[in-house]
PDB file of N, CA and C in Angstrom:
ATOM      1  N   MET A   1     209.870 174.057 213.631  1.00  0.00           N
ATOM      2  CA  MET A   1     210.924 174.367 212.696  1.00  0.00           C
ATOM      3  C   MET A   1     211.989 173.267 212.692  1.00  0.00           C
ATOM      4  N   LYS A   2     212.347 172.781 213.903  1.00  0.00           N
ATOM      5  CA  LYS A   2     213.340 171.718 214.001  1.00  0.00           C
ATOM      6  C   LYS A   2     212.849 170.458 213.295  1.00  0.00           C
ATOM      7  N   LYS A   3     211.551 170.182 213.432  1.00  0.00           N
ATOM      8  CA  LYS A   3     210.985 168.998 212.781  1.00  0.00           C
ATOM      9  C   LYS A   3     211.054 169.138 211.265  1.00  0.00           C
ATOM     10  N   LEU A   4     210.817 170.329 210.774  1.00  0.00           N
ATOM     11  CA  LEU A   4     210.870 170.587 209.338  1.00  0.00           C
ATOM     12  C   LEU A   4     212.288 170.391 208.805  1.00  0.00           C
ATOM     13  N   ILE A   5     213.264 170.888 209.540  1.00  0.00           N
ATOM     14  CA  ILE A   5     214.664 170.722 209.139  1.00  0.00           C
ATOM     15  C   ILE A   5     215.045 169.247 209.180  1.00  0.00           C
ATOM     16  N   ALA A   6     214.637 168.551 210.234  1.00  0.00           N
ATOM     17  CA  ALA A   6     214.939 167.124 210.353  1.00  0.00           C
ATOM     18  C   ALA A   6     214.314 166.342 209.199  1.00  0.00           C
ATOM     19  N   ALA A   7     213.086 166.676 208.840  1.00  0.00           N
ATOM     20  CA  ALA A   7     212.416 165.994 207.726  1.00  0.00           C
ATOM     21  C   ALA A   7     213.155 166.256 206.418  1.00  0.00           C
ATOM     22  N   GLY A   8     213.604 167.480 206.225  1.00  0.00           N
ATOM     23  CA  GLY A   8     214.358 167.818 205.016  1.00  0.00           C
ATOM     24  C   GLY A   8     215.664 167.053 204.936  1.00  0.00           C
ATOM     25  N   LEU A   9     216.352 166.932 206.068  1.00  0.00           N
ATOM     26  CA  LEU A   9     217.601 166.175 206.097  1.00  0.00           C
ATOM     27  C   LEU A   9     217.362 164.698 205.819  1.00  0.00           C
ATOM     28  N   MET A  10     216.260 164.167 206.319  1.00  0.00           N
ATOM     29  CA  MET A  10     215.912 162.767 206.062  1.00  0.00           C
ATOM     30  C   MET A  10     215.681 162.539 204.576  1.00  0.00           C
ATOM     31  N   LEU A  11     214.954 163.438 203.935  1.00  0.00           N
ATOM     32  CA  LEU A  11     214.705 163.318 202.499  1.00  0.00           C
ATOM     33  C   LEU A  11     216.000 163.402 201.709  1.00  0.00           C
ATOM     34  N   LEU A  12     216.888 164.270 202.118  1.00  0.00           N
ATOM     35  CA  LEU A  12     218.175 164.400 201.460  1.00  0.00           C
ATOM     36  C   LEU A  12     218.970 163.108 201.595  1.00  0.00           C
ATOM     37  N   ALA A  13     218.986 162.536 202.786  1.00  0.00           N
ATOM     38  CA  ALA A  13     219.710 161.286 203.021  1.00  0.00           C
ATOM     39  C   ALA A  13     219.127 160.156 202.190  1.00  0.00           C
ATOM     40  N   VAL A  14     217.812 160.070 202.117  1.00  0.00           N
ATOM     41  CA  VAL A  14     217.158 159.033 201.316  1.00  0.00           C
ATOM     42  C   VAL A  14     217.519 159.204 199.847  1.00  0.00           C
ATOM     43  N   GLY A  15     217.547 160.422 199.368  1.00  0.00           N
ATOM     44  CA  GLY A  15     217.911 160.686 197.981  1.00  0.00           C
ATOM     45  C   GLY A  15     219.328 160.263 197.677  1.00  0.00           C
ATOM     46  N   GLN A  16     220.245 160.482 198.618  1.00  0.00           N
ATOM     47  CA  GLN A  16     221.628 160.080 198.412  1.00  0.00           C
ATOM     48  C   GLN A  16     221.758 158.568 198.398  1.00  0.00           C
ATOM     49  N   VAL A  17     221.060 157.879 199.274  1.00  0.00           N
ATOM     50  CA  VAL A  17     221.105 156.423 199.280  1.00  0.00           C
ATOM     51  C   VAL A  17     220.550 155.883 197.971  1.00  0.00           C
ATOM     52  N   ALA A  18     219.458 156.465 197.498  1.00  0.00           N
ATOM     53  CA  ALA A  18     218.857 156.000 196.247  1.00  0.00           C
ATOM     54  C   ALA A  18     219.830 156.153 195.088  1.00  0.00           C
ATOM     55  N   ALA A  19     220.656 157.189 195.118  1.00  0.00           N
ATOM     56  CA  ALA A  19     221.611 157.411 194.041  1.00  0.00           C
ATOM     57  C   ALA A  19     222.652 156.305 193.985  1.00  0.00           C
ATOM     58  N   ALA A  20     222.895 155.628 195.097  1.00  0.00           N
ATOM     59  CA  ALA A  20     223.908 154.584 195.151  1.00  0.00           C
ATOM     60  C   ALA A  20     223.306 153.191 195.003  1.00  0.00           C
ATOM     61  N   GLU A  21     222.068 153.098 194.574  1.00  0.00           N
ATOM     62  CA  GLU A  21     221.429 151.797 194.411  1.00  0.00           C
ATOM     63  C   GLU A  21     222.082 151.014 193.280  1.00  0.00           C
ATOM     64  N   PHE A  22     222.085 149.714 193.429  1.00  0.00           N
ATOM     65  CA  PHE A  22     222.574 148.827 192.387  1.00  0.00           C
ATOM     66  C   PHE A  22     221.475 148.614 191.360  1.00  0.00           C
ATOM     67  N   LYS A  23     221.860 148.430 190.128  1.00  0.00           N
ATOM     68  CA  LYS A  23     220.903 148.079 189.082  1.00  0.00           C
ATOM     69  C   LYS A  23     220.969 146.570 188.886  1.00  0.00           C
ATOM     70  N   PRO A  24     219.855 145.952 188.511  1.00  0.00           N
ATOM     71  CA  PRO A  24     219.908 144.526 188.188  1.00  0.00           C
ATOM     72  C   PRO A  24     220.793 144.324 186.953  1.00  0.00           C
ATOM     73  N   PHE A  25     221.568 143.253 186.956  1.00  0.00           N
ATOM     74  CA  PHE A  25     222.448 142.972 185.823  1.00  0.00           C
ATOM     75  C   PHE A  25     221.628 142.652 184.582  1.00  0.00           C
ATOM     76  N   SER A  26     222.017 143.262 183.481  1.00  0.00           N
ATOM     77  CA  SER A  26     221.495 142.855 182.174  1.00  0.00           C
ATOM     78  C   SER A  26     222.682 142.824 181.225  1.00  0.00           C
ATOM     79  N   ARG A  27     222.737 141.812 180.388  1.00  0.00           N
ATOM     80  CA  ARG A  27     223.846 141.661 179.447  1.00  0.00           C
ATOM     81  C   ARG A  27     223.916 142.875 178.524  1.00  0.00           C
ATOM     82  N   ALA A  28     222.765 143.361 178.061  1.00  0.00           N
ATOM     83  CA  ALA A  28     222.744 144.498 177.134  1.00  0.00           C
ATOM     84  C   ALA A  28     223.350 145.742 177.783  1.00  0.00           C
ATOM     85  N   GLU A  29     222.964 146.032 179.019  1.00  0.00           N
ATOM     86  CA  GLU A  29     223.506 147.217 179.689  1.00  0.00           C
ATOM     87  C   GLU A  29     224.995 147.051 179.966  1.00  0.00           C
ATOM     88  N   PHE A  30     225.391 145.873 180.434  1.00  0.00           N
ATOM     89  CA  PHE A  30     226.809 145.629 180.700  1.00  0.00           C
ATOM     90  C   PHE A  30     227.630 145.825 179.427  1.00  0.00           C
ATOM     91  N   ASP A  31     227.181 145.224 178.322  1.00  0.00           N
ATOM     92  CA  ASP A  31     227.909 145.346 177.053  1.00  0.00           C
ATOM     93  C   ASP A  31     227.993 146.794 176.587  1.00  0.00           C
ATOM     94  N   ALA A  32     226.907 147.548 176.743  1.00  0.00           N
ATOM     95  CA  ALA A  32     226.901 148.959 176.334  1.00  0.00           C
ATOM     96  C   ALA A  32     227.883 149.773 177.178  1.00  0.00           C
ATOM     97  N   LEU A  33     227.900 149.529 178.481  1.00  0.00           N
ATOM     98  CA  LEU A  33     228.831 150.236 179.364  1.00  0.00           C
ATOM     99  C   LEU A  33     230.275 149.875 179.032  1.00  0.00           C
ATOM    100  N   GLN A  34     230.506 148.592 178.751  1.00  0.00           N
ATOM    101  CA  GLN A  34     231.848 148.146 178.373  1.00  0.00           C
ATOM    102  C   GLN A  34     232.295 148.820 177.078  1.00  0.00           C
ATOM    103  N   LYS A  35     231.409 148.826 176.098  1.00  0.00           N
ATOM    104  CA  LYS A  35     231.731 149.422 174.797  1.00  0.00           C
ATOM    105  C   LYS A  35     232.049 150.908 174.945  1.00  0.00           C
ATOM    106  N   ALA A  36     231.351 151.582 175.850  1.00  0.00           N
ATOM    107  CA  ALA A  36     231.574 153.008 176.091  1.00  0.00           C
ATOM    108  C   ALA A  36     232.801 153.263 176.975  1.00  0.00           C
ATOM    109  N   GLY A  37     233.400 152.196 177.501  1.00  0.00           N
ATOM    110  CA  GLY A  37     234.586 152.347 178.341  1.00  0.00           C
ATOM    111  C   GLY A  37     234.306 152.852 179.737  1.00  0.00           C
ATOM    112  N   LYS A  38     233.067 152.726 180.171  1.00  0.00           N
ATOM    113  CA  LYS A  38     232.657 153.225 181.492  1.00  0.00           C
ATOM    114  C   LYS A  38     233.086 152.249 182.594  1.00  0.00           C
ATOM    115  N   PRO A  39     233.350 152.763 183.801  1.00  0.00           N
ATOM    116  CA  PRO A  39     233.652 151.872 184.917  1.00  0.00           C
ATOM    117  C   PRO A  39     232.386 151.155 185.393  1.00  0.00           C
ATOM    118  N   VAL A  40     232.519 149.845 185.608  1.00  0.00           N
ATOM    119  CA  VAL A  40     231.380 149.010 185.995  1.00  0.00           C
ATOM    120  C   VAL A  40     231.803 148.075 187.124  1.00  0.00           C
ATOM    121  N   LEU A  41     230.969 147.994 188.139  1.00  0.00           N
ATOM    122  CA  LEU A  41     231.142 147.006 189.199  1.00  0.00           C
ATOM    123  C   LEU A  41     230.074 145.944 189.003  1.00  0.00           C
ATOM    124  N   VAL A  42     230.497 144.683 188.855  1.00  0.00           N
ATOM    125  CA  VAL A  42     229.556 143.565 188.814  1.00  0.00           C
ATOM    126  C   VAL A  42     229.630 142.885 190.174  1.00  0.00           C
ATOM    127  N   ASP A  43     228.509 142.874 190.857  1.00  0.00           N
ATOM    128  CA  ASP A  43     228.392 142.294 192.193  1.00  0.00           C
ATOM    129  C   ASP A  43     227.605 140.994 192.061  1.00  0.00           C
ATOM    130  N   VAL A  44     228.301 139.858 192.206  1.00  0.00           N
ATOM    131  CA  VAL A  44     227.642 138.552 192.125  1.00  0.00           C
ATOM    132  C   VAL A  44     227.139 138.230 193.529  1.00  0.00           C
ATOM    133  N   TYR A  45     225.832 138.207 193.678  1.00  0.00           N
ATOM    134  CA  TYR A  45     225.237 138.085 195.006  1.00  0.00           C
ATOM    135  C   TYR A  45     224.141 137.021 195.012  1.00  0.00           C
ATOM    136  N   ALA A  46     223.749 136.651 196.218  1.00  0.00           N
ATOM    137  CA  ALA A  46     222.573 135.806 196.433  1.00  0.00           C
ATOM    138  C   ALA A  46     221.799 136.429 197.591  1.00  0.00           C
ATOM    139  N   ASP A  47     220.489 136.426 197.491  1.00  0.00           N
ATOM    140  CA  ASP A  47     219.653 137.031 198.537  1.00  0.00           C
ATOM    141  C   ASP A  47     219.899 136.413 199.912  1.00  0.00           C
ATOM    142  N   TRP A  48     220.229 135.135 199.932  1.00  0.00           N
ATOM    143  CA  TRP A  48     220.397 134.417 201.189  1.00  0.00           C
ATOM    144  C   TRP A  48     221.814 134.548 201.762  1.00  0.00           C
ATOM    145  N   CYS A  49     222.702 135.223 201.066  1.00  0.00           N
ATOM    146  CA  CYS A  49     224.124 135.308 201.421  1.00  0.00           C
ATOM    147  C   CYS A  49     224.379 136.469 202.384  1.00  0.00           C
ATOM    148  N   THR A  50     224.805 136.155 203.608  1.00  0.00           N
ATOM    149  CA  THR A  50     225.054 137.205 204.600  1.00  0.00           C
ATOM    150  C   THR A  50     226.266 138.061 204.228  1.00  0.00           C
ATOM    151  N   VAL A  51     227.286 137.464 203.641  1.00  0.00           N
ATOM    152  CA  VAL A  51     228.457 138.232 203.201  1.00  0.00           C
ATOM    153  C   VAL A  51     228.040 139.215 202.110  1.00  0.00           C
ATOM    154  N   CYS A  52     227.186 138.766 201.197  1.00  0.00           N
ATOM    155  CA  CYS A  52     226.701 139.639 200.113  1.00  0.00           C
ATOM    156  C   CYS A  52     225.959 140.846 200.678  1.00  0.00           C
ATOM    157  N   ARG A  53     225.172 140.628 201.703  1.00  0.00           N
ATOM    158  CA  ARG A  53     224.426 141.739 202.313  1.00  0.00           C
ATOM    159  C   ARG A  53     225.367 142.739 202.979  1.00  0.00           C
ATOM    160  N   ARG A  54     226.421 142.228 203.628  1.00  0.00           N
ATOM    161  CA  ARG A  54     227.403 143.139 204.245  1.00  0.00           C
ATOM    162  C   ARG A  54     228.147 143.923 203.167  1.00  0.00           C
ATOM    163  N   GLN A  55     228.506 143.239 202.077  1.00  0.00           N
ATOM    164  CA  GLN A  55     229.171 143.936 200.971  1.00  0.00           C
ATOM    165  C   GLN A  55     228.283 145.043 200.422  1.00  0.00           C
ATOM    166  N   GLU A  56     227.016 144.722 200.204  1.00  0.00           N
ATOM    167  CA  GLU A  56     226.091 145.707 199.648  1.00  0.00           C
ATOM    168  C   GLU A  56     225.975 146.927 200.561  1.00  0.00           C
ATOM    169  N   LYS A  57     225.863 146.686 201.853  1.00  0.00           N
ATOM    170  CA  LYS A  57     225.746 147.788 202.819  1.00  0.00           C
ATOM    171  C   LYS A  57     226.956 148.717 202.710  1.00  0.00           C
ATOM    172  N   GLU A  58     228.145 148.157 202.690  1.00  0.00           N
ATOM    173  CA  GLU A  58     229.363 148.971 202.612  1.00  0.00           C
ATOM    174  C   GLU A  58     229.497 149.644 201.248  1.00  0.00           C
ATOM    175  N   LEU A  59     229.203 148.915 200.184  1.00  0.00           N
ATOM    176  CA  LEU A  59     229.355 149.473 198.840  1.00  0.00           C
ATOM    177  C   LEU A  59     228.384 150.617 198.572  1.00  0.00           C
ATOM    178  N   LYS A  60     227.194 150.550 199.128  1.00  0.00           N
ATOM    179  CA  LYS A  60     226.244 151.658 198.950  1.00  0.00           C
ATOM    180  C   LYS A  60     226.815 152.949 199.527  1.00  0.00           C
ATOM    181  N   ILE A  61     227.507 152.848 200.633  1.00  0.00           N
ATOM    182  CA  ILE A  61     228.144 154.023 201.238  1.00  0.00           C
ATOM    183  C   ILE A  61     229.312 154.491 200.368  1.00  0.00           C
ATOM    184  N   ILE A  62     230.154 153.555 199.971  1.00  0.00           N
ATOM    185  CA  ILE A  62     231.340 153.884 199.171  1.00  0.00           C
ATOM    186  C   ILE A  62     230.946 154.508 197.837  1.00  0.00           C
ATOM    187  N   LEU A  63     229.935 153.962 197.191  1.00  0.00           N
ATOM    188  CA  LEU A  63     229.535 154.456 195.868  1.00  0.00           C
ATOM    189  C   LEU A  63     228.961 155.870 195.907  1.00  0.00           C
ATOM    190  N   GLN A  64     228.637 156.367 197.083  1.00  0.00           N
ATOM    191  CA  GLN A  64     228.164 157.751 197.223  1.00  0.00           C
ATOM    192  C   GLN A  64     229.320 158.746 197.246  1.00  0.00           C
ATOM    193  N   GLU A  65     230.530 158.265 197.489  1.00  0.00           N
ATOM    194  CA  GLU A  65     231.693 159.149 197.563  1.00  0.00           C
ATOM    195  C   GLU A  65     232.009 159.693 196.170  1.00  0.00           C
ATOM    196  N   PRO A  66     232.427 160.955 196.094  1.00  0.00           N
ATOM    197  CA  PRO A  66     232.626 161.609 194.792  1.00  0.00           C
ATOM    198  C   PRO A  66     233.509 160.837 193.813  1.00  0.00           C
ATOM    199  N   GLN A  67     234.573 160.219 194.291  1.00  0.00           N
ATOM    200  CA  GLN A  67     235.491 159.525 193.387  1.00  0.00           C
ATOM    201  C   GLN A  67     234.908 158.244 192.789  1.00  0.00           C
ATOM    202  N   PHE A  68     233.766 157.785 193.307  1.00  0.00           N
ATOM    203  CA  PHE A  68     233.163 156.554 192.801  1.00  0.00           C
ATOM    204  C   PHE A  68     231.816 156.780 192.121  1.00  0.00           C
ATOM    205  N   LYS A  69     231.377 158.021 192.030  1.00  0.00           N
ATOM    206  CA  LYS A  69     230.052 158.314 191.454  1.00  0.00           C
ATOM    207  C   LYS A  69     229.936 157.906 189.993  1.00  0.00           C
ATOM    208  N   GLN A  70     231.052 157.811 189.270  1.00  0.00           N
ATOM    209  CA  GLN A  70     230.999 157.449 187.856  1.00  0.00           C
ATOM    210  C   GLN A  70     230.848 155.934 187.650  1.00  0.00           C
ATOM    211  N   VAL A  71     230.984 155.147 188.713  1.00  0.00           N
ATOM    212  CA  VAL A  71     230.899 153.689 188.606  1.00  0.00           C
ATOM    213  C   VAL A  71     229.434 153.255 188.579  1.00  0.00           C
ATOM    214  N   THR A  72     229.079 152.447 187.585  1.00  0.00           N
ATOM    215  CA  THR A  72     227.748 151.835 187.535  1.00  0.00           C
ATOM    216  C   THR A  72     227.846 150.471 188.204  1.00  0.00           C
ATOM    217  N   ALA A  73     227.013 150.231 189.206  1.00  0.00           N
ATOM    218  CA  ALA A  73     227.023 148.969 189.944  1.00  0.00           C
ATOM    219  C   ALA A  73     225.867 148.093 189.469  1.00  0.00           C
ATOM    220  N   LEU A  74     226.216 146.898 188.999  1.00  0.00           N
ATOM    221  CA  LEU A  74     225.222 145.938 188.514  1.00  0.00           C
ATOM    222  C   LEU A  74     225.238 144.703 189.402  1.00  0.00           C
ATOM    223  N   LYS A  75     224.059 144.277 189.853  1.00  0.00           N
ATOM    224  CA  LYS A  75     223.937 143.078 190.683  1.00  0.00           C
ATOM    225  C   LYS A  75     223.581 141.881 189.807  1.00  0.00           C
ATOM    226  N   LEU A  76     224.456 140.896 189.826  1.00  0.00           N
ATOM    227  CA  LEU A  76     224.256 139.654 189.082  1.00  0.00           C
ATOM    228  C   LEU A  76     223.787 138.593 190.071  1.00  0.00           C
ATOM    229  N   ASP A  77     222.565 138.127 189.912  1.00  0.00           N
ATOM    230  CA  ASP A  77     221.959 137.174 190.842  1.00  0.00           C
ATOM    231  C   ASP A  77     222.556 135.781 190.632  1.00  0.00           C
ATOM    232  N   PHE A  78     223.297 135.314 191.633  1.00  0.00           N
ATOM    233  CA  PHE A  78     224.001 134.030 191.575  1.00  0.00           C
ATOM    234  C   PHE A  78     223.054 132.865 191.300  1.00  0.00           C
ATOM    235  N   ASP A  79     221.844 132.933 191.815  1.00  0.00           N
ATOM    236  CA  ASP A  79     220.888 131.839 191.651  1.00  0.00           C
ATOM    237  C   ASP A  79     220.044 131.977 190.389  1.00  0.00           C
ATOM    238  N   ALA A  80     219.568 133.165 190.099  1.00  0.00           N
ATOM    239  CA  ALA A  80     218.630 133.365 188.987  1.00  0.00           C
ATOM    240  C   ALA A  80     219.317 133.607 187.644  1.00  0.00           C
ATOM    241  N   GLN A  81     220.587 133.997 187.659  1.00  0.00           N
ATOM    242  CA  GLN A  81     221.284 134.321 186.410  1.00  0.00           C
ATOM    243  C   GLN A  81     222.520 133.437 186.208  1.00  0.00           C
ATOM    244  N   LYS A  82     222.381 132.167 186.539  1.00  0.00           N
ATOM    245  CA  LYS A  82     223.502 131.222 186.439  1.00  0.00           C
ATOM    246  C   LYS A  82     224.124 131.169 185.048  1.00  0.00           C
ATOM    247  N   GLN A  83     223.315 131.428 184.019  1.00  0.00           N
ATOM    248  CA  GLN A  83     223.827 131.372 182.650  1.00  0.00           C
ATOM    249  C   GLN A  83     224.905 132.422 182.402  1.00  0.00           C
ATOM    250  N   GLU A  84     224.954 133.476 183.206  1.00  0.00           N
ATOM    251  CA  GLU A  84     225.951 134.544 183.044  1.00  0.00           C
ATOM    252  C   GLU A  84     227.268 134.242 183.765  1.00  0.00           C
ATOM    253  N   LEU A  85     227.256 133.347 184.732  1.00  0.00           N
ATOM    254  CA  LEU A  85     228.433 133.100 185.567  1.00  0.00           C
ATOM    255  C   LEU A  85     229.660 132.639 184.781  1.00  0.00           C
ATOM    256  N   PRO A  86     229.537 131.695 183.827  1.00  0.00           N
ATOM    257  CA  PRO A  86     230.736 131.264 183.097  1.00  0.00           C
ATOM    258  C   PRO A  86     231.444 132.396 182.351  1.00  0.00           C
ATOM    259  N   ALA A  87     230.705 133.332 181.815  1.00  0.00           N
ATOM    260  CA  ALA A  87     231.322 134.448 181.080  1.00  0.00           C
ATOM    261  C   ALA A  87     232.223 135.279 181.990  1.00  0.00           C
ATOM    262  N   PHE A  88     231.906 135.301 183.284  1.00  0.00           N
ATOM    263  CA  PHE A  88     232.707 136.059 184.243  1.00  0.00           C
ATOM    264  C   PHE A  88     233.674 135.164 185.021  1.00  0.00           C
ATOM    265  N   LYS A  89     233.676 133.869 184.691  1.00  0.00           N
ATOM    266  CA  LYS A  89     234.532 132.895 185.394  1.00  0.00           C
ATOM    267  C   LYS A  89     234.299 132.966 186.905  1.00  0.00           C
ATOM    268  N   VAL A  90     233.020 132.941 187.281  1.00  0.00           N
ATOM    269  CA  VAL A  90     232.623 133.063 188.685  1.00  0.00           C
ATOM    270  C   VAL A  90     232.098 131.725 189.186  1.00  0.00           C
ATOM    271  N   ASN A  91     232.614 131.308 190.347  1.00  0.00           N
ATOM    272  CA  ASN A  91     232.146 130.088 190.997  1.00  0.00           C
ATOM    273  C   ASN A  91     231.460 130.365 192.326  1.00  0.00           C
ATOM    274  N   ASN A  92     231.651 131.565 192.855  1.00  0.00           N
ATOM    275  CA  ASN A  92     231.152 131.884 194.194  1.00  0.00           C
ATOM    276  C   ASN A  92     230.328 133.157 194.207  1.00  0.00           C
ATOM    277  N   ARG A  93     229.310 133.168 195.068  1.00  0.00           N
ATOM    278  CA  ARG A  93     228.614 134.415 195.320  1.00  0.00           C
ATOM    279  C   ARG A  93     229.560 135.281 196.135  1.00  0.00           C
ATOM    280  N   SER A  94     229.196 136.510 196.361  1.00  0.00           N
ATOM    281  CA  SER A  94     230.017 137.521 197.042  1.00  0.00           C
ATOM    282  C   SER A  94     231.304 137.827 196.273  1.00  0.00           C
ATOM    283  N   THR A  95     231.237 137.651 194.945  1.00  0.00           N
ATOM    284  CA  THR A  95     232.353 138.016 194.071  1.00  0.00           C
ATOM    285  C   THR A  95     232.084 139.408 193.514  1.00  0.00           C
ATOM    286  N   LEU A  96     233.064 140.276 193.626  1.00  0.00           N
ATOM    287  CA  LEU A  96     232.985 141.626 193.078  1.00  0.00           C
ATOM    288  C   LEU A  96     234.009 141.730 191.955  1.00  0.00           C
ATOM    289  N   ILE A  97     233.565 142.222 190.794  1.00  0.00           N
ATOM    290  CA  ILE A  97     234.457 142.366 189.645  1.00  0.00           C
ATOM    291  C   ILE A  97     234.363 143.806 189.155  1.00  0.00           C
ATOM    292  N   LEU A  98     235.497 144.469 189.085  1.00  0.00           N
ATOM    293  CA  LEU A  98     235.556 145.861 188.645  1.00  0.00           C
ATOM    294  C   LEU A  98     236.111 145.921 187.222  1.00  0.00           C
ATOM    295  N   PHE A  99     235.388 146.610 186.354  1.00  0.00           N
ATOM    296  CA  PHE A  99     235.791 146.791 184.959  1.00  0.00           C
ATOM    297  C   PHE A  99     236.000 148.274 184.693  1.00  0.00           C
ATOM    298  N   ASN A 100     236.947 148.568 183.798  1.00  0.00           N
ATOM    299  CA  ASN A 100     237.140 149.945 183.343  1.00  0.00           C
ATOM    300  C   ASN A 100     237.734 149.903 181.941  1.00  0.00           C
ATOM    301  N   LYS A 101     237.287 150.792 181.101  1.00  0.00           N
ATOM    302  CA  LYS A 101     237.766 150.892 179.720  1.00  0.00           C
ATOM    303  C   LYS A 101     237.665 149.555 178.994  1.00  0.00           C
ATOM    304  N   GLY A 102     236.569 148.829 179.268  1.00  0.00           N
ATOM    305  CA  GLY A 102     236.291 147.584 178.568  1.00  0.00           C
ATOM    306  C   GLY A 102     237.041 146.363 179.061  1.00  0.00           C
ATOM    307  N   LYS A 103     237.797 146.499 180.156  1.00  0.00           N
ATOM    308  CA  LYS A 103     238.588 145.367 180.650  1.00  0.00           C
ATOM    309  C   LYS A 103     238.393 145.178 182.149  1.00  0.00           C
ATOM    310  N   GLU A 104     238.556 143.926 182.581  1.00  0.00           N
ATOM    311  CA  GLU A 104     238.525 143.654 184.016  1.00  0.00           C
ATOM    312  C   GLU A 104     239.767 144.266 184.652  1.00  0.00           C
ATOM    313  N   VAL A 105     239.543 145.027 185.714  1.00  0.00           N
ATOM    314  CA  VAL A 105     240.640 145.667 186.436  1.00  0.00           C
ATOM    315  C   VAL A 105     241.076 144.784 187.600  1.00  0.00           C
ATOM    316  N   ARG A 106     240.085 144.286 188.351  1.00  0.00           N
ATOM    317  CA  ARG A 106     240.382 143.412 189.486  1.00  0.00           C
ATOM    318  C   ARG A 106     239.105 142.744 189.971  1.00  0.00           C
ATOM    319  N   ARG A 107     239.306 141.742 190.834  1.00  0.00           N
ATOM    320  CA  ARG A 107     238.171 141.055 191.459  1.00  0.00           C
ATOM    321  C   ARG A 107     238.547 140.646 192.870  1.00  0.00           C
ATOM    322  N   VAL A 108     237.520 140.458 193.667  1.00  0.00           N
ATOM    323  CA  VAL A 108     237.708 140.033 195.048  1.00  0.00           C
ATOM    324  C   VAL A 108     236.494 139.187 195.432  1.00  0.00           C
ATOM    325  N   VAL A 109     236.720 138.230 196.322  1.00  0.00           N
ATOM    326  CA  VAL A 109     235.635 137.363 196.787  1.00  0.00           C
ATOM    327  C   VAL A 109     235.530 137.477 198.303  1.00  0.00           C
ATOM    328  N   GLY A 110     234.331 137.780 198.781  1.00  0.00           N
ATOM    329  CA  GLY A 110     234.046 137.753 200.212  1.00  0.00           C
ATOM    330  C   GLY A 110     234.563 138.922 201.029  1.00  0.00           C
ATOM    331  N   GLU A 111     235.066 139.955 200.391  1.00  0.00           N
ATOM    332  CA  GLU A 111     235.614 141.105 201.139  1.00  0.00           C
ATOM    333  C   GLU A 111     234.486 141.985 201.675  1.00  0.00           C
ATOM    334  N   THR A 112     234.570 142.326 202.966  1.00  0.00           N
ATOM    335  CA  THR A 112     233.562 143.195 203.581  1.00  0.00           C
ATOM    336  C   THR A 112     234.178 144.377 204.324  1.00  0.00           C
ATOM    337  N   ASP A 113     235.494 144.420 204.449  1.00  0.00           N
ATOM    338  CA  ASP A 113     236.151 145.517 205.155  1.00  0.00           C
ATOM    339  C   ASP A 113     236.023 146.804 204.344  1.00  0.00           C
ATOM    340  N   PRO A 114     235.471 147.873 204.941  1.00  0.00           N
ATOM    341  CA  PRO A 114     235.246 149.114 204.187  1.00  0.00           C
ATOM    342  C   PRO A 114     236.509 149.689 203.545  1.00  0.00           C
ATOM    343  N   GLN A 115     237.630 149.683 204.265  1.00  0.00           N
ATOM    344  CA  GLN A 115     238.868 150.245 203.705  1.00  0.00           C
ATOM    345  C   GLN A 115     239.361 149.419 202.521  1.00  0.00           C
ATOM    346  N   ARG A 116     239.319 148.100 202.647  1.00  0.00           N
ATOM    347  CA  ARG A 116     239.760 147.238 201.541  1.00  0.00           C
ATOM    348  C   ARG A 116     238.821 147.360 200.347  1.00  0.00           C
ATOM    349  N   LEU A 117     237.527 147.491 200.612  1.00  0.00           N
ATOM    350  CA  LEU A 117     236.575 147.683 199.511  1.00  0.00           C
ATOM    351  C   LEU A 117     236.823 149.019 198.811  1.00  0.00           C
ATOM    352  N   ARG A 118     237.141 150.042 199.566  1.00  0.00           N
ATOM    353  CA  ARG A 118     237.445 151.358 198.989  1.00  0.00           C
ATOM    354  C   ARG A 118     238.694 151.262 198.102  1.00  0.00           C
ATOM    355  N   GLN A 119     239.718 150.550 198.585  1.00  0.00           N
ATOM    356  CA  GLN A 119     240.933 150.345 197.781  1.00  0.00           C
ATOM    357  C   GLN A 119     240.605 149.557 196.516  1.00  0.00           C
ATOM    358  N   PHE A 120     239.789 148.528 196.665  1.00  0.00           N
ATOM    359  CA  PHE A 120     239.380 147.710 195.526  1.00  0.00           C
ATOM    360  C   PHE A 120     238.678 148.558 194.472  1.00  0.00           C
ATOM    361  N   MET A 121     237.826 149.467 194.913  1.00  0.00           N
ATOM    362  CA  MET A 121     237.026 150.289 193.998  1.00  0.00           C
ATOM    363  C   MET A 121     237.824 151.403 193.325  1.00  0.00           C
ATOM    364  N   THR A 122     238.992 151.728 193.848  1.00  0.00           N
ATOM    365  CA  THR A 122     239.796 152.814 193.286  1.00  0.00           C
ATOM    366  C   THR A 122     240.365 152.387 191.940  1.00  0.00           C
ATOM    367  N   LEU A 123     240.000 153.125 190.906  1.00  0.00           N
ATOM    368  CA  LEU A 123     240.441 152.795 189.552  1.00  0.00           C
ATOM    369  C   LEU A 123     241.892 153.197 189.348  1.00  0.00           C
ATOM    370  N   PRO A 124     242.656 152.362 188.630  1.00  0.00           N
ATOM    371  CA  PRO A 124     244.035 152.752 188.316  1.00  0.00           C
ATOM    372  C   PRO A 124     244.037 153.962 187.386  1.00  0.00           C
ATOM    373  N   ARG A 125     245.042 154.766 187.473  1.00  0.00           N
ATOM    374  CA  ARG A 125     245.140 155.975 186.635  1.00  0.00           C
ATOM    375  C   ARG A 125     245.805 155.675 185.324  1.00  0.00           C
TER     376      ARG A 125
END
């Protein structure tokens, strides 16, 4: 019985993590979300970037919190999607840009502290 409960809890945890997964960046999806006024996090990352991996780990946890569930997180690949970088005025990987109601709210580069990331993700009222 204990094993069954443990297995159920594991499945629940996996489901919650999956809900906080980042989507690959696409211009069409970003534009549609912007037009709809939805909150969007653009995470400029590189697979080889250790700071980016730490950010992703923390953000996956943060995005599961109720106050951030409405945020769509899009991963913009610093190496493979270079053509998109000028539109966001991005020069560095590990750049996080938060948008709401069609406008950039704030950005941060290289932040990995969970509390500061939580503050960064909090939308203005």
